[in-house]
């Protein structure tokens, strides 16, 4: 695992987005925002670590209502951490997005999150920017697609170097095998023969960011067009970079 991937007993693809270089100098703050895969298999030790050591006060759950109903409350929510459900997948995409053999299918899904539920995407960022917000965690099922798009928006909006935004997104690829191993073992199924289609690719995130640049002048412009004020964006930057 990368030095940025944090080992947990029952939660995969966990990392702190602190320490990423800003284009204007400096870096993002540690201990403010974690990203991860599903919290469904979190152990008591994982919950203690997140709540007591990290000080977690807010979880943004980007899964669909169907996923949440199927799996039930996460152990972190059961421990009393505020958990806000904000699905990114619209009715036109009632199955989880899968990668194809080129960038197009995944890119359509990633841009689809912004098109299907712009209010939920904006609300997620608004929650992260709240003046009284404590340490937060964002997750979906694998923590690579829906979570990857949201975190990329946040990182771009606060001024993280573009190459580092893409690198953080791609980093989830090294954790895909561990996630599938956990899921297939729990379900009593065999591992897929080829996990390559499930791994994030840099070209996809480059294309998402290029689209945001062309249409809105970047992630901050998209967020402003979808209801975030200058004060929200200033607070977001202060929380993550101040």
Foldseek 3Di string as FASTA:
>chain_A
DDPQWDDADFWFPKGFLWPFAFPVGATWHGLAEMETADLLRHDPVNLCCCCPVSVAQEEEEQEDPVVCVVSDDGPNVVVPRHYHYQHQDAPVPPDDQWFDPDLPRLLCVLVSSCVRRVVSLLVVLLQSLDPPHGHYYYYYHGRQRPVLSSVLLLCVLLGGPPVVSLVSNQVSQVGQVVSQVVVCVVVVHDRDPDCVRRGDDSVSVVVVQVVCCVPQNGSNRSSVVSDDDPSSSVSSNVSTGD
